[in-house]
Protein backbone atom coordinates (compact mmCIF):
# COMPACT_ATOMS: atom_id res chain seq x y z
CA MET A 1 60.34 126.31 -27.20
CA ILE A 2 59.53 129.84 -26.03
CA GLU A 3 58.54 132.08 -28.95
CA HIS A 4 55.87 134.42 -27.52
CA VAL A 5 57.24 136.75 -24.85
CA GLY A 6 55.53 139.40 -22.76
CA ILE A 7 57.37 142.21 -20.97
CA VAL A 8 55.74 144.21 -18.17
CA GLY A 9 57.28 147.65 -17.91
CA CYS A 10 59.36 149.54 -20.47
CA GLY A 11 61.86 151.52 -18.45
CA THR A 12 65.57 151.13 -19.06
CA MET A 13 65.62 147.39 -18.38
CA GLY A 14 62.23 146.52 -19.87
CA ALA A 15 63.07 148.33 -23.10
CA GLY A 16 66.43 146.54 -23.33
CA ILE A 17 64.87 143.11 -22.76
CA ALA A 18 62.18 143.83 -25.35
CA GLU A 19 64.84 144.85 -27.87
CA ILE A 20 66.97 141.73 -27.46
CA CYS A 21 63.88 139.53 -27.71
CA ALA A 22 62.87 141.26 -30.95
CA LYS A 23 66.39 140.85 -32.32
CA ALA A 24 66.06 137.12 -31.59
CA GLY A 25 63.01 137.00 -33.87
CA LEU A 26 60.53 136.46 -31.03
CA ASP A 27 56.96 137.72 -30.83
CA VAL A 28 57.22 140.56 -28.28
CA LEU A 29 54.34 142.30 -26.52
CA VAL A 30 55.07 144.97 -23.89
CA ALA A 31 52.47 145.84 -21.23
CA VAL A 32 52.64 149.37 -19.83
CA SER A 33 50.51 151.41 -17.46
CA SER A 34 49.57 154.25 -19.83
CA ALA A 35 49.90 155.70 -23.31
CA ALA A 36 52.59 158.02 -21.98
CA SER A 37 54.58 155.03 -20.71
CA ALA A 38 54.25 153.36 -24.11
CA GLU A 39 55.51 156.51 -25.83
CA ALA A 40 58.48 156.76 -23.46
CA GLY A 41 59.29 153.08 -23.92
CA GLN A 42 59.14 153.34 -27.69
CA ALA A 43 61.47 156.36 -27.50
CA ARG A 44 64.01 154.37 -25.44
CA ILE A 45 63.95 151.50 -27.92
CA THR A 46 64.21 153.87 -30.89
CA LYS A 47 67.18 155.67 -29.34
CA SER A 48 68.97 152.36 -28.73
CA LEU A 49 68.34 151.14 -32.29
CA GLN A 50 69.50 154.46 -33.74
CA ARG A 51 72.70 154.19 -31.70
CA ALA A 52 73.31 150.72 -33.18
CA VAL A 53 72.76 152.13 -36.68
CA ARG A 54 75.24 154.96 -36.08
CA LYS A 55 77.83 152.45 -34.92
CA GLY A 56 77.32 150.35 -38.03
CA LYS A 57 75.98 147.39 -36.05
CA LEU A 58 72.49 147.52 -37.57
CA ALA A 59 71.08 148.47 -40.94
CA VAL A 60 68.45 151.23 -41.04
CA GLU A 61 65.83 148.91 -42.50
CA ASP A 62 66.52 146.34 -39.76
CA ALA A 63 66.12 149.00 -37.09
CA ASP A 64 62.78 150.02 -38.59
CA ARG A 65 61.65 146.39 -38.71
CA LEU A 66 62.61 145.74 -35.09
CA ARG A 67 60.91 148.91 -33.87
CA ALA A 68 57.70 147.91 -35.64
CA ALA A 69 57.90 144.34 -34.31
CA ILE A 70 57.66 145.40 -30.65
CA ARG A 71 53.98 145.88 -29.85
CA PHE A 72 52.52 147.66 -26.82
CA THR A 73 49.37 147.22 -24.74
CA GLU A 74 47.89 148.82 -21.64
CA SER A 75 46.07 145.62 -20.65
CA LEU A 76 47.73 142.76 -18.76
CA GLY A 77 44.97 140.54 -20.16
CA ASP A 78 46.56 140.81 -23.60
CA LEU A 79 49.49 138.77 -22.25
CA ALA A 80 47.28 135.71 -21.82
CA ASP A 81 48.78 133.95 -24.86
CA ARG A 82 52.41 134.50 -23.80
CA GLN A 83 54.60 131.51 -22.97
CA LEU A 84 56.92 133.67 -20.87
CA VAL A 85 56.17 136.97 -19.14
CA VAL A 86 59.12 138.98 -17.80
CA GLU A 87 58.20 141.50 -15.13
CA SER A 88 60.52 144.52 -15.19
CA VAL A 89 58.83 147.25 -13.20
CA HIS A 90 60.49 149.56 -10.66
CA GLU A 91 62.46 147.89 -7.85
CA GLU A 92 59.78 148.23 -5.17
CA GLU A 93 58.61 145.08 -3.41
CA LYS A 94 55.02 146.28 -2.80
CA LEU A 95 54.69 147.22 -6.48
CA LYS A 96 56.05 143.86 -7.63
CA ARG A 97 53.83 141.92 -5.21
CA ARG A 98 50.74 143.76 -6.44
CA LEU A 99 51.74 143.13 -10.06
CA PHE A 100 52.26 139.42 -9.45
CA ALA A 101 48.77 139.19 -7.96
CA ASP A 102 47.35 141.03 -10.99
CA LEU A 103 49.25 138.74 -13.37
CA GLU A 104 47.68 135.75 -11.64
CA ASP A 105 44.25 136.95 -12.80
CA ALA A 106 45.43 138.02 -16.27
CA LEU A 107 47.41 134.93 -17.30
CA THR A 108 44.82 132.22 -17.88
CA ASP A 109 47.22 129.58 -19.24
CA PRO A 110 48.61 127.60 -16.27
CA ALA A 111 51.73 126.78 -18.33
CA THR A 112 52.83 130.42 -18.63
CA ILE A 113 56.14 131.11 -16.90
CA ILE A 114 56.49 134.35 -14.94
CA ALA A 115 60.02 135.74 -14.56
CA THR A 116 60.95 138.72 -12.45
CA ASN A 117 63.88 140.92 -13.43
CA THR A 118 65.08 142.08 -10.04
CA SER A 119 68.62 142.95 -8.98
CA SER A 120 68.19 142.32 -5.27
CA MET A 121 64.83 140.96 -4.09
CA ARG A 122 64.25 137.37 -3.08
CA ILE A 123 62.07 135.48 -5.56
CA THR A 124 60.18 133.20 -3.16
CA PRO A 125 58.01 135.94 -1.55
CA LEU A 126 56.98 137.14 -5.03
CA ALA A 127 56.15 133.59 -6.12
CA ASP A 128 53.96 133.26 -3.02
CA CYS A 129 51.73 136.02 -4.43
CA THR A 130 50.54 133.65 -7.15
CA ARG A 131 48.69 130.34 -7.34
CA ARG A 132 51.48 129.03 -9.61
CA PRO A 133 54.65 129.51 -7.55
CA HIS A 134 56.27 126.55 -9.31
CA ARG A 135 56.10 128.59 -12.58
CA VAL A 136 57.92 131.65 -11.15
CA VAL A 137 61.66 132.29 -11.51
CA GLY A 138 64.12 135.18 -11.22
CA THR A 139 66.04 136.41 -14.26
CA HIS A 140 68.46 139.20 -13.39
CA PHE A 141 69.52 140.92 -16.62
CA PHE A 142 72.34 143.45 -16.39
CA ASN A 143 72.28 147.02 -17.72
CA PRO A 144 72.45 147.60 -20.63
CA ALA A 145 70.62 144.37 -21.43
CA THR A 146 71.42 144.76 -25.14
CA VAL A 147 75.16 144.56 -24.41
CA MET A 148 75.83 142.76 -21.13
CA PRO A 149 76.21 139.00 -21.70
CA LEU A 150 75.23 137.76 -18.23
CA VAL A 151 71.87 136.80 -16.73
CA GLU A 152 71.57 135.43 -13.20
CA LEU A 153 68.96 132.66 -13.02
CA VAL A 154 67.39 132.47 -9.56
CA PRO A 155 64.78 129.81 -8.74
CA ALA A 156 62.28 130.41 -5.97
CA GLU A 157 62.02 127.66 -3.38
CA GLN A 158 58.96 126.35 -5.25
CA THR A 159 60.22 126.68 -8.85
CA GLY A 160 59.87 123.48 -10.85
CA ALA A 161 62.99 121.91 -12.35
CA GLU A 162 61.42 121.94 -15.82
CA VAL A 163 60.83 125.70 -15.55
CA ILE A 164 64.48 126.34 -14.64
CA GLU A 165 65.66 124.25 -17.59
CA ALA A 166 63.23 125.91 -20.02
CA VAL A 167 64.21 129.44 -19.02
CA GLU A 168 67.93 128.68 -19.11
CA ALA A 169 67.53 127.18 -22.59
CA PHE A 170 65.65 130.32 -23.66
CA LEU A 171 68.28 132.68 -22.25
CA THR A 172 71.23 130.85 -23.75
CA GLY A 173 69.70 129.47 -26.96
CA SER A 174 67.32 132.24 -28.05
CA LEU A 175 68.93 135.33 -26.52
CA GLY A 176 72.56 134.21 -26.63
CA LYS A 177 73.18 135.10 -22.99
CA GLN A 178 75.50 133.40 -20.54
CA VAL A 179 73.82 132.19 -17.37
CA ILE A 180 74.93 131.61 -13.81
CA ARG A 181 72.59 130.16 -11.21
CA SER A 182 72.21 131.60 -7.75
CA ALA A 183 70.41 130.58 -4.61
CA ASP A 184 67.46 132.80 -3.70
CA ARG A 185 69.22 135.32 -1.47
CA PRO A 186 69.30 139.14 -1.52
CA GLY A 187 71.70 140.41 -4.17
CA PHE A 188 72.20 136.91 -5.62
CA VAL A 189 75.88 136.48 -6.63
CA VAL A 190 77.02 139.61 -8.45
CA ASN A 191 75.38 142.35 -6.39
CA ALA A 192 76.10 140.59 -3.10
CA LEU A 193 79.77 141.11 -3.96
CA LEU A 194 79.58 144.32 -5.97
CA VAL A 195 77.28 146.67 -4.05
CA PRO A 196 79.15 146.70 -0.70
CA TYR A 197 82.29 147.63 -2.68
CA LEU A 198 80.48 150.43 -4.53
CA VAL A 199 78.89 151.77 -1.34
CA GLU A 200 82.30 151.85 0.36
CA ALA A 201 83.72 153.81 -2.60
CA VAL A 202 80.93 156.37 -2.18
CA ARG A 203 81.66 156.51 1.55
CA LEU A 204 85.34 157.29 0.87
CA VAL A 205 84.29 160.24 -1.29
CA GLY A 206 81.61 161.43 1.11
CA ASP A 207 83.97 161.32 4.09
CA GLY A 208 86.53 163.36 2.19
CA HIS A 209 89.22 160.67 2.05
CA ALA A 210 89.59 160.93 -1.75
CA THR A 211 87.94 162.59 -4.71
CA ALA A 212 85.61 160.63 -6.96
CA GLU A 213 88.13 160.99 -9.77
CA ASP A 214 90.98 159.57 -7.67
CA VAL A 215 88.89 156.67 -6.37
CA ASP A 216 88.10 155.72 -9.96
CA ARG A 217 91.70 156.17 -11.15
CA GLY A 218 92.95 154.10 -8.23
CA MET A 219 90.76 151.09 -9.05
CA LYS A 220 91.32 151.33 -12.81
CA LEU A 221 95.08 151.74 -12.64
CA GLY A 222 95.71 149.71 -9.49
CA CYS A 223 93.28 146.84 -10.03
CA SER A 224 92.80 146.89 -13.84
CA HIS A 225 89.06 147.55 -13.51
CA PRO A 226 87.58 148.83 -16.80
CA LEU A 227 85.38 151.30 -14.89
CA GLY A 228 85.95 152.99 -11.59
CA PRO A 229 83.39 152.33 -8.84
CA ILE A 230 81.96 155.86 -8.91
CA GLU A 231 81.58 155.73 -12.70
CA LEU A 232 79.86 152.36 -12.27
CA VAL A 233 77.46 153.73 -9.65
CA ASP A 234 76.48 156.44 -12.14
CA MET A 235 76.00 153.89 -14.92
CA ILE A 236 73.89 151.49 -12.83
CA GLY A 237 71.88 154.28 -11.20
CA LEU A 238 72.23 155.68 -7.69
CA ASP A 239 68.64 154.69 -6.86
CA VAL A 240 69.30 151.08 -7.90
CA ILE A 241 72.45 150.94 -5.77
CA ALA A 242 70.51 152.33 -2.80
CA SER A 243 67.74 149.75 -3.28
CA VAL A 244 70.19 146.84 -3.38
CA ALA A 245 72.06 148.24 -0.37
CA ASP A 246 68.79 148.23 1.56
CA ALA A 247 68.11 144.61 0.55
CA LEU A 248 71.62 143.64 1.70
CA GLU A 249 71.22 145.70 4.89
CA VAL A 250 74.27 147.77 3.98
CA THR A 251 74.23 151.26 5.53
CA LYS A 252 74.01 153.92 2.83
CA PRO A 253 76.38 156.93 2.97
CA ARG A 254 74.79 160.35 3.39
CA LEU A 255 76.28 161.48 0.08
CA LEU A 256 74.41 158.76 -1.81
CA THR A 257 71.02 159.64 -0.31
CA ASP A 258 71.63 163.39 -0.77
CA LEU A 259 72.37 162.96 -4.48
CA ILE A 260 69.27 160.80 -4.93
CA SER A 261 67.13 163.40 -3.15
CA SER A 262 68.42 166.06 -5.53
CA GLY A 263 67.46 163.96 -8.56
CA ARG A 264 71.01 163.10 -9.57
CA LEU A 265 70.54 159.40 -10.32
CA GLY A 266 73.43 158.96 -12.75
CA VAL A 267 73.68 158.60 -16.50
CA LYS A 268 69.94 158.08 -16.94
CA THR A 269 69.15 161.56 -15.55
CA GLY A 270 72.17 163.27 -17.07
CA ALA A 271 73.87 163.79 -13.71
CA GLY A 272 75.08 161.73 -10.77
CA PHE A 273 78.51 162.04 -9.25
CA PHE A 274 79.55 163.30 -12.67
CA ASP A 275 77.62 165.28 -15.30
CA TYR A 276 76.51 163.72 -18.59
CA PRO A 277 75.46 166.47 -21.02
CA ARG A 278 72.62 165.30 -23.22
């Protein structure tokens, strides 16, 4: 049974995964690159817990306990006693490959499972960066990880059957998530279907065929979608959508790349297609 979990990276996704692991009563240790990254990660977790308190979903004392339970380190070597390490750094293949090689040296227990939280990259090439490819698996959490019930479980070509079963049991039993399995292909199941649709919605707006507001209203009122595609792009992050589009070899509209270049990445930066006053 997995009880000691390591998280590498504490951005939006890493912070969310750390929080749900702490809520499950697990021993959580987060590895970050600097003291500034630790401070930013702690702030994200604190903000999320405070939001839960305001909504009446969490008592103040429980929020304080959970915040204190999530420990931070700047050394990958401190993850050596972890049964499961979830990598959740930025969606850049070179960065992830380098990290997997570093984890190989840091994780001395050959039984440790390494999971990568990626929304688009194939798992097998990352597993090949280690001497334990049979202990590597993909776990695609959805944003926000504290709310979204789904995790895609993606074995590499080399992943052992016992690893797949152990991680699925952890996701469903300890974290209360629902799991679907996918073959190791770019975009897996959800993003292989979703991202081409979102990119086409952006293209409609960029080519002047409809406003962002009307594209969203059309899909919500005409197809009963809870969110319009442009709203969803903002929520996921324009940079994430662009990264997955590249992995799927989907041509990105000029409007998408222009907004990214101007720093409008969506909700997380306070502005994307729409503005989100802080």
